[in-house]
Amino acid sequence: MKFYDRDGKTVELPRGRWKHIVAQHPEMERYHDRIGDALREPDLIKQSRRAPDVWLYYRFYSSIFGGKFLLVVVKRSLRPFVLTCYITDEIKKGEIVWQKG
């Protein structure tokens, strides 16, 4: 599967990676269609404190569990790809790369 981030870069989500994500976070299966939205139109992008080439894309949805963020974690490399994604109400520490005005 391919998505595009807010800069128009292709972000891949390999089938094997998706299976792993759903095994760890089964609730994500029903929100698969929102991954592209979170990448393309995030509310906030942060750089991981542990790995500078990993960016965290947050998008808030009032319709998910009464108001939660969908977090999509992307490894930015020659071929960027989704490491994981899950629902959260907590924004991790780290440098802000971009924030919705």
N, C-alpha and C. Protein backbone atom coordinates (compact mmCIF):
# COMPACT_ATOMS: atom_id res chain seq x y z
N MET A 1 0.85 -1.17 0.00
CA MET A 1 0.00 0.00 0.00
C MET A 1 0.89 1.23 0.00
N LYS A 2 0.44 2.25 -0.68
CA LYS A 2 1.19 3.49 -0.73
C LYS A 2 0.30 4.65 -0.30
N PHE A 3 0.92 5.57 0.43
CA PHE A 3 0.28 6.79 0.87
C PHE A 3 1.20 7.94 0.51
N TYR A 4 0.74 9.15 0.74
CA TYR A 4 1.56 10.34 0.52
C TYR A 4 1.51 11.20 1.78
N ASP A 5 2.66 11.75 2.16
CA ASP A 5 2.68 12.62 3.32
C ASP A 5 2.35 14.05 2.92
N ARG A 6 2.40 14.96 3.86
CA ARG A 6 1.99 16.34 3.58
C ARG A 6 2.91 17.04 2.59
N ASP A 7 4.12 16.52 2.39
CA ASP A 7 5.05 17.08 1.42
C ASP A 7 4.95 16.39 0.06
N GLY A 8 4.03 15.44 -0.06
CA GLY A 8 3.85 14.72 -1.32
C GLY A 8 4.78 13.53 -1.51
N LYS A 9 5.56 13.19 -0.47
CA LYS A 9 6.46 12.04 -0.56
C LYS A 9 5.68 10.75 -0.39
N THR A 10 6.07 9.74 -1.13
CA THR A 10 5.44 8.43 -1.02
C THR A 10 5.88 7.75 0.27
N VAL A 11 4.91 7.20 1.00
CA VAL A 11 5.18 6.44 2.22
C VAL A 11 4.54 5.07 2.02
N GLU A 12 5.36 4.04 2.09
CA GLU A 12 4.85 2.69 1.86
C GLU A 12 4.42 2.02 3.17
N LEU A 13 3.44 1.16 3.03
CA LEU A 13 3.00 0.30 4.13
C LEU A 13 2.96 -1.12 3.58
N PRO A 14 4.08 -1.84 3.72
CA PRO A 14 4.14 -3.21 3.20
C PRO A 14 3.10 -4.11 3.88
N ARG A 15 2.60 -5.07 3.13
CA ARG A 15 1.57 -5.98 3.64
C ARG A 15 2.00 -6.67 4.94
N GLY A 16 3.24 -7.13 4.99
CA GLY A 16 3.74 -7.80 6.20
C GLY A 16 3.76 -6.87 7.39
N ARG A 17 4.12 -5.62 7.16
CA ARG A 17 4.14 -4.63 8.24
C ARG A 17 2.71 -4.39 8.73
N TRP A 18 1.75 -4.29 7.79
CA TRP A 18 0.35 -4.08 8.18
C TRP A 18 -0.15 -5.24 9.03
N LYS A 19 0.17 -6.46 8.65
CA LYS A 19 -0.25 -7.63 9.44
C LYS A 19 0.31 -7.56 10.85
N HIS A 20 1.57 -7.13 10.97
CA HIS A 20 2.20 -6.99 12.29
C HIS A 20 1.48 -5.91 13.11
N ILE A 21 1.17 -4.77 12.48
CA ILE A 21 0.49 -3.68 13.17
C ILE A 21 -0.87 -4.15 13.70
N VAL A 22 -1.64 -4.81 12.85
CA VAL A 22 -2.98 -5.27 13.25
C VAL A 22 -2.89 -6.33 14.35
N ALA A 23 -1.85 -7.15 14.32
CA ALA A 23 -1.66 -8.15 15.38
C ALA A 23 -1.39 -7.47 16.72
N GLN A 24 -0.63 -6.37 16.70
CA GLN A 24 -0.31 -5.64 17.93
C GLN A 24 -1.40 -4.66 18.34
N HIS A 25 -2.10 -4.11 17.36
CA HIS A 25 -3.12 -3.09 17.60
C HIS A 25 -4.37 -3.41 16.76
N PRO A 26 -5.13 -4.43 17.16
CA PRO A 26 -6.27 -4.88 16.34
C PRO A 26 -7.29 -3.80 16.05
N GLU A 27 -7.40 -2.79 16.90
CA GLU A 27 -8.35 -1.70 16.65
C GLU A 27 -8.01 -0.92 15.38
N MET A 28 -6.78 -1.01 14.92
CA MET A 28 -6.36 -0.28 13.72
C MET A 28 -7.02 -0.80 12.44
N GLU A 29 -7.45 -2.04 12.44
CA GLU A 29 -8.05 -2.61 11.23
C GLU A 29 -9.21 -1.74 10.73
N ARG A 30 -10.03 -1.25 11.65
CA ARG A 30 -11.18 -0.44 11.23
C ARG A 30 -10.82 0.99 10.86
N TYR A 31 -9.58 1.42 11.18
CA TYR A 31 -9.16 2.79 10.87
C TYR A 31 -8.10 2.84 9.76
N HIS A 32 -7.96 1.76 9.04
CA HIS A 32 -6.96 1.69 7.96
C HIS A 32 -7.10 2.84 6.97
N ASP A 33 -8.33 3.20 6.65
CA ASP A 33 -8.57 4.25 5.65
C ASP A 33 -8.17 5.63 6.14
N ARG A 34 -7.89 5.78 7.41
CA ARG A 34 -7.51 7.09 7.95
C ARG A 34 -5.99 7.29 8.00
N ILE A 35 -5.22 6.27 7.72
CA ILE A 35 -3.77 6.38 7.75
C ILE A 35 -3.30 7.43 6.73
N GLY A 36 -3.82 7.34 5.53
CA GLY A 36 -3.46 8.30 4.50
C GLY A 36 -3.81 9.73 4.88
N ASP A 37 -4.96 9.92 5.53
CA ASP A 37 -5.37 11.25 5.98
C ASP A 37 -4.41 11.79 7.02
N ALA A 38 -4.01 10.93 7.96
CA ALA A 38 -3.09 11.36 9.03
C ALA A 38 -1.73 11.76 8.46
N LEU A 39 -1.30 11.07 7.42
CA LEU A 39 -0.02 11.41 6.79
C LEU A 39 -0.12 12.67 5.94
N ARG A 40 -1.19 12.79 5.21
CA ARG A 40 -1.37 13.90 4.27
C ARG A 40 -1.77 15.19 4.98
N GLU A 41 -2.61 15.05 6.02
CA GLU A 41 -3.15 16.23 6.70
C GLU A 41 -3.04 16.07 8.22
N PRO A 42 -1.80 15.98 8.73
CA PRO A 42 -1.64 15.79 10.17
C PRO A 42 -1.92 17.09 10.93
N ASP A 43 -2.15 16.96 12.23
CA ASP A 43 -2.25 18.13 13.10
C ASP A 43 -0.87 18.50 13.62
N LEU A 44 -0.01 17.49 13.72
CA LEU A 44 1.32 17.69 14.30
C LEU A 44 2.27 16.62 13.77
N ILE A 45 3.50 17.02 13.49
CA ILE A 45 4.56 16.06 13.15
C ILE A 45 5.71 16.31 14.10
N LYS A 46 6.17 15.25 14.76
CA LYS A 46 7.30 15.36 15.67
C LYS A 46 8.41 14.42 15.22
N GLN A 47 9.62 14.77 15.58
CA GLN A 47 10.77 13.91 15.31
C GLN A 47 10.98 13.05 16.55
N SER A 48 11.22 11.77 16.35
CA SER A 48 11.46 10.87 17.46
C SER A 48 12.69 11.29 18.24
N ARG A 49 12.62 11.18 19.55
CA ARG A 49 13.79 11.50 20.39
C ARG A 49 14.85 10.41 20.26
N ARG A 50 14.43 9.20 19.97
CA ARG A 50 15.35 8.06 19.90
C ARG A 50 16.02 7.92 18.54
N ALA A 51 15.27 8.27 17.49
CA ALA A 51 15.78 8.06 16.13
C ALA A 51 15.41 9.28 15.28
N PRO A 52 16.38 10.11 14.92
CA PRO A 52 16.08 11.34 14.18
C PRO A 52 15.47 11.10 12.80
N ASP A 53 15.62 9.91 12.25
CA ASP A 53 15.03 9.62 10.94
C ASP A 53 13.63 9.02 11.04
N VAL A 54 13.05 9.10 12.24
CA VAL A 54 11.69 8.62 12.46
C VAL A 54 10.82 9.80 12.84
N TRP A 55 9.72 9.98 12.09
CA TRP A 55 8.78 11.06 12.34
C TRP A 55 7.45 10.49 12.80
N LEU A 56 6.80 11.23 13.68
CA LEU A 56 5.53 10.83 14.27
C LEU A 56 4.44 11.78 13.75
N TYR A 57 3.49 11.25 13.02
CA TYR A 57 2.40 12.03 12.43
C TYR A 57 1.14 11.83 13.29
N TYR A 58 0.66 12.91 13.87
CA TYR A 58 -0.53 12.86 14.73
C TYR A 58 -1.70 13.55 14.05
N ARG A 59 -2.84 12.90 14.12
CA ARG A 59 -4.08 13.56 13.66
C ARG A 59 -5.18 13.21 14.65
N PHE A 60 -5.86 14.24 15.12
CA PHE A 60 -6.92 14.06 16.11
C PHE A 60 -8.24 13.75 15.43
N TYR A 61 -8.96 12.78 15.99
CA TYR A 61 -10.30 12.41 15.51
C TYR A 61 -11.24 12.37 16.71
N SER A 62 -12.24 13.22 16.69
CA SER A 62 -13.22 13.20 17.78
C SER A 62 -14.07 11.94 17.74
N SER A 63 -14.12 11.29 16.59
CA SER A 63 -14.95 10.10 16.41
C SER A 63 -14.26 8.80 16.84
N ILE A 64 -13.00 8.86 17.20
CA ILE A 64 -12.28 7.65 17.63
C ILE A 64 -12.25 7.62 19.15
N PHE A 65 -12.96 6.66 19.74
CA PHE A 65 -12.99 6.45 21.18
C PHE A 65 -13.25 7.73 21.96
N GLY A 66 -14.15 8.57 21.45
CA GLY A 66 -14.52 9.78 22.15
C GLY A 66 -13.52 10.91 22.04
N GLY A 67 -12.51 10.76 21.19
CA GLY A 67 -11.53 11.81 20.97
C GLY A 67 -10.11 11.35 21.24
N LYS A 68 -9.45 10.84 20.23
CA LYS A 68 -8.07 10.35 20.34
C LYS A 68 -7.29 10.73 19.09
N PHE A 69 -5.97 10.59 19.20
CA PHE A 69 -5.09 10.80 18.06
C PHE A 69 -4.83 9.48 17.35
N LEU A 70 -4.75 9.54 16.04
CA LEU A 70 -4.19 8.43 15.26
C LEU A 70 -2.74 8.82 15.06
N LEU A 71 -1.84 7.97 15.51
CA LEU A 71 -0.41 8.21 15.37
C LEU A 71 0.15 7.27 14.31
N VAL A 72 0.81 7.83 13.31
CA VAL A 72 1.47 7.03 12.28
C VAL A 72 2.97 7.32 12.39
N VAL A 73 3.74 6.27 12.63
CA VAL A 73 5.19 6.39 12.82
C VAL A 73 5.88 6.00 11.51
N VAL A 74 6.67 6.93 10.96
CA VAL A 74 7.28 6.73 9.65
C VAL A 74 8.80 6.77 9.75
N LYS A 75 9.43 5.75 9.19
CA LYS A 75 10.89 5.73 9.04
C LYS A 75 11.19 6.46 7.75
N ARG A 76 11.88 7.60 7.85
CA ARG A 76 12.20 8.42 6.69
C ARG A 76 13.56 7.98 6.16
N SER A 77 13.52 7.29 5.07
CA SER A 77 14.73 6.78 4.43
C SER A 77 14.59 7.03 2.93
N LEU A 78 15.43 6.38 2.13
CA LEU A 78 15.29 6.53 0.68
C LEU A 78 13.89 6.13 0.23
N ARG A 79 13.33 5.12 0.89
CA ARG A 79 11.95 4.69 0.63
C ARG A 79 11.19 4.71 1.94
N PRO A 80 10.63 5.87 2.31
CA PRO A 80 9.95 5.99 3.60
C PRO A 80 8.85 4.93 3.74
N PHE A 81 8.72 4.41 4.97
CA PHE A 81 7.69 3.40 5.22
C PHE A 81 7.13 3.55 6.63
N VAL A 82 5.91 3.02 6.82
CA VAL A 82 5.24 3.05 8.11
C VAL A 82 5.84 1.97 9.00
N LEU A 83 6.36 2.39 10.15
CA LEU A 83 6.86 1.43 11.13
C LEU A 83 5.71 0.84 11.93
N THR A 84 4.82 1.72 12.39
CA THR A 84 3.66 1.30 13.15
C THR A 84 2.63 2.43 13.15
N CYS A 85 1.46 2.13 13.62
CA CYS A 85 0.44 3.14 13.83
C CYS A 85 -0.51 2.62 14.90
N TYR A 86 -1.05 3.55 15.66
CA TYR A 86 -1.97 3.16 16.73
C TYR A 86 -2.73 4.38 17.21
N ILE A 87 -3.72 4.12 18.07
CA ILE A 87 -4.56 5.15 18.64
C ILE A 87 -3.96 5.54 20.00
N THR A 88 -3.90 6.85 20.26
CA THR A 88 -3.32 7.31 21.52
C THR A 88 -3.97 8.62 21.95
N ASP A 89 -3.85 8.91 23.23
CA ASP A 89 -4.27 10.23 23.71
C ASP A 89 -3.07 11.02 24.22
N GLU A 90 -1.89 10.45 24.03
CA GLU A 90 -0.66 11.07 24.51
C GLU A 90 0.26 11.44 23.35
N ILE A 91 0.77 12.67 23.38
CA ILE A 91 1.75 13.10 22.38
C ILE A 91 3.13 12.92 22.98
N LYS A 92 3.98 12.19 22.29
CA LYS A 92 5.32 11.92 22.79
C LYS A 92 6.18 13.18 22.77
N LYS A 93 7.22 13.15 23.61
CA LYS A 93 8.18 14.24 23.62
C LYS A 93 9.02 14.16 22.35
N GLY A 94 9.57 15.28 21.97
CA GLY A 94 10.39 15.33 20.78
C GLY A 94 10.25 16.68 20.09
N GLU A 95 11.12 16.92 19.15
CA GLU A 95 11.12 18.19 18.44
C GLU A 95 9.96 18.26 17.47
N ILE A 96 9.28 19.40 17.45
CA ILE A 96 8.18 19.61 16.51
C ILE A 96 8.77 19.91 15.14
N VAL A 97 8.39 19.12 14.16
CA VAL A 97 8.83 19.31 12.77
C VAL A 97 7.85 20.25 12.07
N TRP A 98 6.56 20.05 12.35
CA TRP A 98 5.52 20.84 11.71
C TRP A 98 4.28 20.80 12.59
N GLN A 99 3.55 21.91 12.63
CA GLN A 99 2.31 21.97 13.41
C GLN A 99 1.27 22.75 12.63
N LYS A 100 0.06 22.22 12.66
CA LYS A 100 -1.06 22.87 11.98
C LYS A 100 -1.29 24.25 12.60
N GLY A 101 -1.42 25.21 11.73
CA GLY A 101 -1.59 26.61 12.19
C GLY A 101 -2.92 26.83 12.73
